[in-house]
Amino acid sequence: MALRQNNLNMVKLRNQVFAADKANGDTETALRNLREYIYSHMNTNLDSGNGIKPPIQLKYSYERLVDAEKKRVDAANAKIYNDAQKYCEQFISHKVFGGASISCVQNYASTHGLKQQPIPDTLYKFDFVSPAWTPDLAGWSMVVTILLALLFIIRLGLEKWVKHDLANS
C-alpha cells in the first residue's frame, strides 16, 4: 500500500512539472520537488519503459528558447540587411540595378549576418532514480514483512525438526 502511494505521489509531482512547463511556470521548483521526493522514497522510478529517451523532457521550455533564439537572429539579420542596402548604395550607382547591387547586399549580409546558435536539448531532459530502500513507511513495511517471513520460515523449520527429533526418539 505504501509503495503504491509513493508511486502515486511521484506521478502527481511529475504531472506538476509537465503543467509548469506547458504554462511557462516555475519548472525549477517543480523539478526540485520531484527530485527530492524520488531520491527519498522507494518505488518512484520515472522509467517510461522505452529506455531511449529520458522520461522528463521540458519540451515547451525548449521550444520557447529555440523560438526566442530564432527571433533574436531574425531581428538582428533584418537590421543587417538594411545596413547592407545603405552600405551598397554608397559604392554602387543608384541607376545600376541588378547583379552588382544584389551581390553586394548578399556579400555584406553573409559576412555580417548572424546564424542561429544550436541549443543543446540535453539541458531540458531529466531522469531521476529512486533508491532501492528508504526509511519511509514503505521501506519499514518491507523490513517488517521480510522479518516476519524469516520468522515464519524459521518456525516451520524448527517445528519439522522437533517433530522429526521426537519421532526418532
N, C-alpha and C. Protein backbone atom coordinates (compact mmCIF):
# COMPACT_ATOMS: atom_id res chain seq x y z
N MET A 1 0.82 -1.19 0.00
CA MET A 1 0.00 0.00 0.00
C MET A 1 0.87 1.26 0.00
N ALA A 2 1.88 1.28 0.87
CA ALA A 2 2.75 2.46 0.95
C ALA A 2 3.58 2.60 -0.32
N LEU A 3 4.00 1.48 -0.91
CA LEU A 3 4.75 1.55 -2.18
C LEU A 3 3.90 2.17 -3.27
N ARG A 4 2.65 1.76 -3.32
CA ARG A 4 1.72 2.31 -4.33
C ARG A 4 1.51 3.81 -4.10
N GLN A 5 1.37 4.21 -2.86
CA GLN A 5 1.18 5.63 -2.55
C GLN A 5 2.41 6.44 -2.95
N ASN A 6 3.60 5.89 -2.73
CA ASN A 6 4.82 6.58 -3.17
C ASN A 6 4.79 6.82 -4.66
N ASN A 7 4.38 5.80 -5.43
CA ASN A 7 4.32 5.93 -6.88
C ASN A 7 3.27 6.94 -7.30
N LEU A 8 2.12 6.92 -6.65
CA LEU A 8 1.06 7.89 -6.99
C LEU A 8 1.49 9.32 -6.71
N ASN A 9 2.19 9.55 -5.60
CA ASN A 9 2.69 10.89 -5.29
C ASN A 9 3.72 11.33 -6.33
N MET A 10 4.57 10.40 -6.77
CA MET A 10 5.56 10.73 -7.80
C MET A 10 4.86 11.13 -9.10
N VAL A 11 3.82 10.41 -9.48
CA VAL A 11 3.08 10.73 -10.70
C VAL A 11 2.46 12.12 -10.59
N LYS A 12 1.92 12.44 -9.42
CA LYS A 12 1.33 13.78 -9.21
C LYS A 12 2.40 14.87 -9.36
N LEU A 13 3.56 14.66 -8.76
CA LEU A 13 4.65 15.65 -8.87
C LEU A 13 5.17 15.74 -10.30
N ARG A 14 5.25 14.62 -10.99
CA ARG A 14 5.69 14.63 -12.40
C ARG A 14 4.71 15.42 -13.25
N ASN A 15 3.43 15.24 -13.01
CA ASN A 15 2.41 15.99 -13.76
C ASN A 15 2.50 17.48 -13.47
N GLN A 16 2.88 17.85 -12.24
CA GLN A 16 3.08 19.27 -11.92
C GLN A 16 4.25 19.85 -12.71
N VAL A 17 5.29 19.05 -12.92
CA VAL A 17 6.42 19.51 -13.74
C VAL A 17 5.95 19.76 -15.16
N PHE A 18 5.19 18.81 -15.73
CA PHE A 18 4.69 18.97 -17.10
C PHE A 18 3.77 20.17 -17.21
N ALA A 19 2.92 20.39 -16.22
CA ALA A 19 1.99 21.53 -16.24
C ALA A 19 2.75 22.85 -16.14
N ALA A 20 3.76 22.90 -15.27
CA ALA A 20 4.56 24.13 -15.15
C ALA A 20 5.31 24.42 -16.44
N ASP A 21 5.80 23.38 -17.10
CA ASP A 21 6.50 23.56 -18.37
C ASP A 21 5.55 24.10 -19.43
N LYS A 22 4.38 23.52 -19.52
CA LYS A 22 3.42 23.94 -20.55
C LYS A 22 2.93 25.38 -20.30
N ALA A 23 2.74 25.75 -19.03
CA ALA A 23 2.22 27.07 -18.69
C ALA A 23 3.33 28.11 -18.53
N ASN A 24 4.56 27.74 -18.83
CA ASN A 24 5.71 28.63 -18.66
C ASN A 24 5.81 29.08 -17.20
N GLY A 25 5.56 28.13 -16.30
CA GLY A 25 5.60 28.42 -14.87
C GLY A 25 6.96 28.12 -14.27
N ASP A 26 6.98 27.91 -12.98
CA ASP A 26 8.22 27.68 -12.23
C ASP A 26 8.62 26.20 -12.32
N THR A 27 9.28 25.84 -13.40
CA THR A 27 9.70 24.45 -13.58
C THR A 27 10.83 24.07 -12.63
N GLU A 28 11.63 25.04 -12.22
CA GLU A 28 12.74 24.74 -11.30
C GLU A 28 12.22 24.19 -9.98
N THR A 29 11.23 24.85 -9.41
CA THR A 29 10.67 24.39 -8.14
C THR A 29 9.98 23.04 -8.31
N ALA A 30 9.22 22.89 -9.39
CA ALA A 30 8.53 21.62 -9.64
C ALA A 30 9.54 20.48 -9.82
N LEU A 31 10.62 20.73 -10.55
CA LEU A 31 11.66 19.71 -10.72
C LEU A 31 12.35 19.38 -9.40
N ARG A 32 12.63 20.41 -8.61
CA ARG A 32 13.29 20.19 -7.32
C ARG A 32 12.40 19.35 -6.41
N ASN A 33 11.10 19.66 -6.36
CA ASN A 33 10.17 18.87 -5.53
C ASN A 33 10.13 17.42 -5.99
N LEU A 34 10.08 17.22 -7.30
CA LEU A 34 10.05 15.86 -7.84
C LEU A 34 11.34 15.12 -7.52
N ARG A 35 12.47 15.76 -7.75
CA ARG A 35 13.77 15.13 -7.50
C ARG A 35 13.92 14.75 -6.02
N GLU A 36 13.59 15.66 -5.12
CA GLU A 36 13.70 15.38 -3.69
C GLU A 36 12.79 14.24 -3.28
N TYR A 37 11.59 14.19 -3.83
CA TYR A 37 10.66 13.12 -3.49
C TYR A 37 11.19 11.77 -3.98
N ILE A 38 11.66 11.74 -5.23
CA ILE A 38 12.15 10.49 -5.80
C ILE A 38 13.37 9.98 -5.03
N TYR A 39 14.29 10.87 -4.70
CA TYR A 39 15.50 10.45 -4.00
C TYR A 39 15.24 10.00 -2.56
N SER A 40 14.07 10.30 -2.02
CA SER A 40 13.81 9.93 -0.63
C SER A 40 12.68 8.91 -0.47
N HIS A 41 12.18 8.36 -1.58
CA HIS A 41 11.10 7.38 -1.50
C HIS A 41 11.33 6.23 -2.47
N MET A 42 10.94 5.03 -2.03
CA MET A 42 11.04 3.83 -2.87
C MET A 42 9.91 3.81 -3.89
N ASN A 43 10.12 3.01 -4.95
CA ASN A 43 9.09 2.77 -5.97
C ASN A 43 8.63 4.06 -6.65
N THR A 44 9.58 4.93 -6.93
CA THR A 44 9.24 6.20 -7.59
C THR A 44 10.04 6.40 -8.87
N ASN A 45 10.48 5.31 -9.49
CA ASN A 45 11.23 5.44 -10.74
C ASN A 45 10.36 6.06 -11.81
N LEU A 46 10.99 6.88 -12.65
CA LEU A 46 10.28 7.55 -13.74
C LEU A 46 10.34 6.74 -15.03
N ASP A 47 10.86 5.56 -14.98
CA ASP A 47 11.10 4.76 -16.17
C ASP A 47 9.85 4.72 -17.05
N SER A 48 10.03 5.20 -18.28
CA SER A 48 8.91 5.22 -19.21
C SER A 48 8.79 3.91 -19.96
N GLY A 49 9.74 3.01 -19.76
CA GLY A 49 9.65 1.70 -20.38
C GLY A 49 10.35 1.59 -21.72
N ASN A 50 10.68 2.72 -22.36
CA ASN A 50 11.31 2.60 -23.67
C ASN A 50 12.83 2.67 -23.59
N GLY A 51 13.40 3.25 -22.57
CA GLY A 51 14.84 3.29 -22.40
C GLY A 51 15.57 4.15 -23.41
N ILE A 52 14.88 4.71 -24.38
CA ILE A 52 15.53 5.50 -25.43
C ILE A 52 15.65 6.96 -25.02
N LYS A 53 14.60 7.49 -24.44
CA LYS A 53 14.61 8.91 -24.08
C LYS A 53 14.34 9.07 -22.59
N PRO A 54 14.89 10.12 -22.00
CA PRO A 54 14.62 10.38 -20.58
C PRO A 54 13.13 10.65 -20.37
N PRO A 55 12.60 10.24 -19.24
CA PRO A 55 11.17 10.37 -19.00
C PRO A 55 10.67 11.80 -18.77
N ILE A 56 11.54 12.69 -18.30
CA ILE A 56 11.12 14.09 -18.10
C ILE A 56 11.81 14.93 -19.17
N GLN A 57 11.00 15.51 -20.04
CA GLN A 57 11.52 16.40 -21.07
C GLN A 57 10.71 17.69 -21.04
N LEU A 58 11.42 18.79 -20.84
CA LEU A 58 10.75 20.09 -20.80
C LEU A 58 10.61 20.60 -22.24
N LYS A 59 9.71 19.97 -22.94
CA LYS A 59 9.50 20.24 -24.37
C LYS A 59 9.14 21.70 -24.63
N TYR A 60 8.21 22.22 -23.86
CA TYR A 60 7.73 23.58 -24.11
C TYR A 60 8.79 24.62 -23.77
N SER A 61 9.53 24.41 -22.70
CA SER A 61 10.61 25.34 -22.35
C SER A 61 11.66 25.36 -23.45
N TYR A 62 12.00 24.19 -23.94
CA TYR A 62 12.99 24.09 -25.01
C TYR A 62 12.49 24.79 -26.27
N GLU A 63 11.24 24.54 -26.64
CA GLU A 63 10.69 25.17 -27.85
C GLU A 63 10.63 26.69 -27.70
N ARG A 64 10.29 27.18 -26.50
CA ARG A 64 10.27 28.64 -26.29
C ARG A 64 11.67 29.23 -26.44
N LEU A 65 12.67 28.54 -25.94
CA LEU A 65 14.04 29.02 -26.05
C LEU A 65 14.52 29.02 -27.50
N VAL A 66 14.19 27.98 -28.25
CA VAL A 66 14.56 27.92 -29.67
C VAL A 66 13.86 29.04 -30.44
N ASP A 67 12.58 29.28 -30.15
CA ASP A 67 11.85 30.37 -30.82
C ASP A 67 12.45 31.73 -30.49
N ALA A 68 12.84 31.94 -29.23
CA ALA A 68 13.44 33.22 -28.84
C ALA A 68 14.77 33.43 -29.56
N GLU A 69 15.56 32.37 -29.69
CA GLU A 69 16.83 32.47 -30.41
C GLU A 69 16.59 32.79 -31.88
N LYS A 70 15.58 32.16 -32.48
CA LYS A 70 15.26 32.41 -33.89
C LYS A 70 14.82 33.86 -34.08
N LYS A 71 13.97 34.36 -33.18
CA LYS A 71 13.51 35.75 -33.29
C LYS A 71 14.66 36.73 -33.12
N ARG A 72 15.57 36.43 -32.18
CA ARG A 72 16.73 37.29 -31.96
C ARG A 72 17.60 37.36 -33.22
N VAL A 73 17.86 36.22 -33.83
CA VAL A 73 18.69 36.17 -35.03
C VAL A 73 17.98 36.84 -36.21
N ASP A 74 16.68 36.58 -36.35
CA ASP A 74 15.92 37.21 -37.45
C ASP A 74 15.91 38.73 -37.32
N ALA A 75 15.73 39.24 -36.09
CA ALA A 75 15.72 40.69 -35.89
C ALA A 75 17.10 41.29 -36.19
N ALA A 76 18.13 40.62 -35.74
CA ALA A 76 19.49 41.12 -36.00
C ALA A 76 19.80 41.08 -37.49
N ASN A 77 19.39 40.02 -38.17
CA ASN A 77 19.66 39.91 -39.60
C ASN A 77 18.83 40.90 -40.42
N ALA A 78 17.63 41.25 -39.96
CA ALA A 78 16.84 42.27 -40.67
C ALA A 78 17.55 43.61 -40.60
N LYS A 79 18.12 43.94 -39.47
CA LYS A 79 18.88 45.18 -39.34
C LYS A 79 20.12 45.13 -40.22
N ILE A 80 20.76 43.97 -40.28
CA ILE A 80 21.96 43.83 -41.11
C ILE A 80 21.61 44.00 -42.59
N TYR A 81 20.45 43.52 -43.01
CA TYR A 81 20.03 43.69 -44.39
C TYR A 81 19.84 45.18 -44.72
N ASN A 82 19.23 45.93 -43.80
CA ASN A 82 19.07 47.37 -44.01
C ASN A 82 20.43 48.07 -44.06
N ASP A 83 21.33 47.66 -43.18
CA ASP A 83 22.69 48.22 -43.19
C ASP A 83 23.39 47.88 -44.50
N ALA A 84 23.15 46.68 -45.03
CA ALA A 84 23.78 46.26 -46.28
C ALA A 84 23.29 47.14 -47.43
N GLN A 85 22.02 47.44 -47.45
CA GLN A 85 21.50 48.30 -48.52
C GLN A 85 22.14 49.69 -48.46
N LYS A 86 22.25 50.25 -47.27
CA LYS A 86 22.87 51.57 -47.12
C LYS A 86 24.34 51.52 -47.53
N TYR A 87 25.02 50.47 -47.11
CA TYR A 87 26.45 50.31 -47.43
C TYR A 87 26.65 50.21 -48.95
N CYS A 88 25.83 49.40 -49.60
CA CYS A 88 25.99 49.17 -51.03
C CYS A 88 25.59 50.40 -51.86
N GLU A 89 24.65 51.20 -51.35
CA GLU A 89 24.25 52.41 -52.07
C GLU A 89 25.40 53.40 -52.19
N GLN A 90 26.30 53.38 -51.23
CA GLN A 90 27.46 54.29 -51.26
C GLN A 90 28.41 53.93 -52.39
N PHE A 91 28.51 52.66 -52.74
CA PHE A 91 29.51 52.21 -53.72
C PHE A 91 28.93 51.91 -55.10
N ILE A 92 27.64 51.71 -55.18
CA ILE A 92 27.03 51.37 -56.47
C ILE A 92 26.06 52.48 -56.85
N SER A 93 26.12 52.87 -58.09
CA SER A 93 25.27 53.95 -58.59
C SER A 93 23.80 53.57 -58.44
N HIS A 94 22.98 54.59 -58.15
CA HIS A 94 21.54 54.35 -57.99
C HIS A 94 20.91 53.93 -59.30
N LYS A 95 21.53 54.24 -60.39
CA LYS A 95 20.96 53.91 -61.70
C LYS A 95 21.23 52.46 -62.07
N VAL A 96 22.20 51.85 -61.42
CA VAL A 96 22.55 50.46 -61.75
C VAL A 96 21.82 49.53 -60.78
N PHE A 97 20.95 48.76 -61.32
CA PHE A 97 20.23 47.77 -60.51
C PHE A 97 20.58 46.39 -61.06
N GLY A 98 20.44 45.39 -60.25
CA GLY A 98 20.66 44.04 -60.74
C GLY A 98 21.78 43.35 -60.02
N GLY A 99 22.60 42.65 -60.79
CA GLY A 99 23.62 41.76 -60.27
C GLY A 99 24.58 42.39 -59.29
N ALA A 100 25.08 43.59 -59.60
CA ALA A 100 26.08 44.20 -58.73
C ALA A 100 25.50 44.55 -57.36
N SER A 101 24.32 45.16 -57.36
CA SER A 101 23.74 45.56 -56.08
C SER A 101 23.28 44.34 -55.28
N ILE A 102 22.76 43.34 -55.97
CA ILE A 102 22.30 42.13 -55.27
C ILE A 102 23.49 41.39 -54.67
N SER A 103 24.55 41.25 -55.43
CA SER A 103 25.72 40.53 -54.92
C SER A 103 26.38 41.31 -53.79
N CYS A 104 26.36 42.65 -53.86
CA CYS A 104 26.92 43.46 -52.77
C CYS A 104 26.14 43.24 -51.48
N VAL A 105 24.82 43.26 -51.57
CA VAL A 105 23.98 43.05 -50.39
C VAL A 105 24.18 41.63 -49.86
N GLN A 106 24.24 40.65 -50.74
CA GLN A 106 24.44 39.26 -50.32
C GLN A 106 25.79 39.08 -49.63
N ASN A 107 26.83 39.68 -50.19
CA ASN A 107 28.16 39.57 -49.58
C ASN A 107 28.20 40.23 -48.21
N TYR A 108 27.59 41.41 -48.10
CA TYR A 108 27.57 42.11 -46.82
C TYR A 108 26.80 41.29 -45.78
N ALA A 109 25.64 40.79 -46.20
CA ALA A 109 24.81 40.02 -45.27
C ALA A 109 25.50 38.73 -44.86
N SER A 110 26.21 38.08 -45.78
CA SER A 110 26.86 36.81 -45.43
C SER A 110 28.06 37.03 -44.50
N THR A 111 28.73 38.17 -44.63
CA THR A 111 29.89 38.41 -43.76
C THR A 111 29.49 39.00 -42.41
N HIS A 112 28.38 39.72 -42.36
CA HIS A 112 27.97 40.36 -41.12
C HIS A 112 26.77 39.68 -40.44
N GLY A 113 26.11 38.77 -41.15
CA GLY A 113 24.90 38.13 -40.63
C GLY A 113 25.17 37.18 -39.47
N LEU A 114 24.13 36.97 -38.70
CA LEU A 114 24.21 36.04 -37.57
C LEU A 114 23.57 34.71 -37.94
N LYS A 115 24.06 33.67 -37.34
CA LYS A 115 23.46 32.36 -37.51
C LYS A 115 22.87 31.92 -36.17
N GLN A 116 21.80 31.16 -36.27
CA GLN A 116 21.13 30.69 -35.06
C GLN A 116 22.05 29.71 -34.33
N GLN A 117 22.25 29.95 -33.05
CA GLN A 117 23.10 29.07 -32.23
C GLN A 117 22.29 27.85 -31.80
N PRO A 118 22.87 26.66 -31.97
CA PRO A 118 22.14 25.47 -31.52
C PRO A 118 22.04 25.44 -29.99
N ILE A 119 20.90 25.02 -29.52
CA ILE A 119 20.66 24.93 -28.07
C ILE A 119 20.62 23.45 -27.71
N PRO A 120 21.53 23.01 -26.85
CA PRO A 120 21.55 21.58 -26.50
C PRO A 120 20.27 21.15 -25.77
N ASP A 121 19.59 20.19 -26.35
CA ASP A 121 18.33 19.75 -25.74
C ASP A 121 18.55 18.89 -24.50
N THR A 122 19.77 18.43 -24.28
CA THR A 122 20.04 17.61 -23.10
C THR A 122 19.88 18.41 -21.80
N LEU A 123 19.94 19.73 -21.91
CA LEU A 123 19.75 20.57 -20.73
C LEU A 123 18.29 20.60 -20.28
N TYR A 124 17.40 20.06 -21.11
CA TYR A 124 15.98 20.08 -20.82
C TYR A 124 15.39 18.68 -20.69
N LYS A 125 16.28 17.70 -20.43
CA LYS A 125 15.85 16.31 -20.24
C LYS A 125 16.38 15.82 -18.90
N PHE A 126 15.50 15.14 -18.14
CA PHE A 126 15.86 14.72 -16.79
C PHE A 126 15.41 13.29 -16.53
N ASP A 127 16.19 12.61 -15.71
CA ASP A 127 15.86 11.26 -15.28
C ASP A 127 16.38 11.10 -13.86
N PHE A 128 15.50 10.80 -12.93
CA PHE A 128 15.89 10.60 -11.54
C PHE A 128 15.64 9.14 -11.18
N VAL A 129 16.52 8.57 -10.38
CA VAL A 129 16.41 7.16 -10.00
C VAL A 129 16.17 7.07 -8.50
N SER A 130 15.15 6.32 -8.14
CA SER A 130 14.84 6.17 -6.72
C SER A 130 15.75 5.10 -6.10
N PRO A 131 16.03 5.24 -4.81
CA PRO A 131 16.88 4.24 -4.15
C PRO A 131 16.13 2.92 -3.97
N ALA A 132 16.91 1.86 -3.76
CA ALA A 132 16.31 0.53 -3.57
C ALA A 132 15.55 0.46 -2.24
N TRP A 133 16.02 1.16 -1.23
CA TRP A 133 15.35 1.16 0.07
C TRP A 133 15.45 2.56 0.68
N THR A 134 14.38 2.98 1.31
CA THR A 134 14.37 4.28 2.01
C THR A 134 13.71 4.10 3.37
N PRO A 135 14.08 4.92 4.33
CA PRO A 135 13.48 4.80 5.67
C PRO A 135 12.14 5.52 5.77
N ASP A 136 11.25 5.24 4.85
CA ASP A 136 9.90 5.80 4.93
C ASP A 136 8.93 4.66 5.28
N LEU A 137 7.66 4.91 5.24
CA LEU A 137 6.67 3.90 5.60
C LEU A 137 6.81 2.65 4.73
N ALA A 138 7.01 2.84 3.44
CA ALA A 138 7.15 1.69 2.54
C ALA A 138 8.40 0.89 2.87
N GLY A 139 9.50 1.55 3.14
CA GLY A 139 10.75 0.86 3.46
C GLY A 139 10.65 0.06 4.75
N TRP A 140 10.13 0.68 5.80
CA TRP A 140 10.00 -0.03 7.07
C TRP A 140 8.96 -1.15 6.97
N SER A 141 7.92 -0.97 6.18
CA SER A 141 6.94 -2.03 5.97
C SER A 141 7.60 -3.24 5.32
N MET A 142 8.48 -2.99 4.36
CA MET A 142 9.20 -4.09 3.72
C MET A 142 10.12 -4.81 4.71
N VAL A 143 10.80 -4.06 5.56
CA VAL A 143 11.68 -4.67 6.56
C VAL A 143 10.88 -5.56 7.50
N VAL A 144 9.75 -5.05 7.98
CA VAL A 144 8.91 -5.83 8.89
C VAL A 144 8.38 -7.08 8.18
N THR A 145 7.96 -6.94 6.93
CA THR A 145 7.46 -8.08 6.17
C THR A 145 8.53 -9.15 5.99
N ILE A 146 9.73 -8.73 5.63
CA ILE A 146 10.83 -9.68 5.45
C ILE A 146 11.17 -10.37 6.77
N LEU A 147 11.21 -9.62 7.86
CA LEU A 147 11.50 -10.22 9.17
C LEU A 147 10.42 -11.22 9.58
N LEU A 148 9.17 -10.88 9.36
CA LEU A 148 8.08 -11.81 9.68
C LEU A 148 8.14 -13.06 8.82
N ALA A 149 8.47 -12.90 7.55
CA ALA A 149 8.61 -14.06 6.67
C ALA A 149 9.75 -14.95 7.14
N LEU A 150 10.88 -14.36 7.53
CA LEU A 150 12.01 -15.15 8.04
C LEU A 150 11.62 -15.88 9.32
N LEU A 151 10.93 -15.20 10.21
CA LEU A 151 10.48 -15.84 11.45
C LEU A 151 9.53 -17.00 11.16
N PHE A 152 8.65 -16.83 10.19
CA PHE A 152 7.73 -17.88 9.82
C PHE A 152 8.48 -19.09 9.26
N ILE A 153 9.46 -18.84 8.40
CA ILE A 153 10.26 -19.94 7.84
C ILE A 153 11.05 -20.64 8.94
N ILE A 154 11.64 -19.88 9.85
CA ILE A 154 12.39 -20.47 10.96
C ILE A 154 11.45 -21.31 11.84
N ARG A 155 10.27 -20.80 12.12
CA ARG A 155 9.30 -21.53 12.93
C ARG A 155 8.92 -22.84 12.27
N LEU A 156 8.65 -22.80 10.94
CA LEU A 156 8.31 -24.04 10.23
C LEU A 156 9.47 -25.03 10.28
N GLY A 157 10.67 -24.54 10.08
CA GLY A 157 11.85 -25.40 10.12
C GLY A 157 12.04 -26.02 11.50
N LEU A 158 11.88 -25.21 12.54
CA LEU A 158 12.02 -25.73 13.90
C LEU A 158 10.93 -26.75 14.22
N GLU A 159 9.72 -26.49 13.76
CA GLU A 159 8.62 -27.41 14.00
C GLU A 159 8.88 -28.77 13.36
N LYS A 160 9.35 -28.75 12.11
CA LYS A 160 9.67 -30.01 11.43
C LYS A 160 10.84 -30.71 12.12
N TRP A 161 11.81 -29.97 12.54
CA TRP A 161 12.99 -30.55 13.20
C TRP A 161 12.59 -31.20 14.52
N VAL A 162 11.74 -30.50 15.30
CA VAL A 162 11.30 -31.04 16.59
C VAL A 162 10.45 -32.30 16.36
N LYS A 163 9.52 -32.29 15.39
CA LYS A 163 8.70 -33.47 15.09
C LYS A 163 9.59 -34.64 14.67
N HIS A 164 10.58 -34.32 13.84
CA HIS A 164 11.49 -35.36 13.36
C HIS A 164 12.31 -35.92 14.53
N ASP A 165 12.74 -35.07 15.41
CA ASP A 165 13.55 -35.47 16.57
C ASP A 165 12.69 -36.33 17.54
N LEU A 166 11.44 -35.93 17.74
CA LEU A 166 10.56 -36.69 18.64
C LEU A 166 10.19 -38.04 18.03
N ALA A 167 10.04 -38.09 16.72
CA ALA A 167 9.69 -39.34 16.06
C ALA A 167 10.84 -40.33 16.13
N ASN A 168 12.08 -39.86 16.15
CA ASN A 168 13.27 -40.73 16.19
C ASN A 168 13.60 -41.14 17.63
N SER A 169 13.08 -40.52 18.63
CA SER A 169 13.45 -40.90 19.99
C SER A 169 12.48 -41.83 20.64
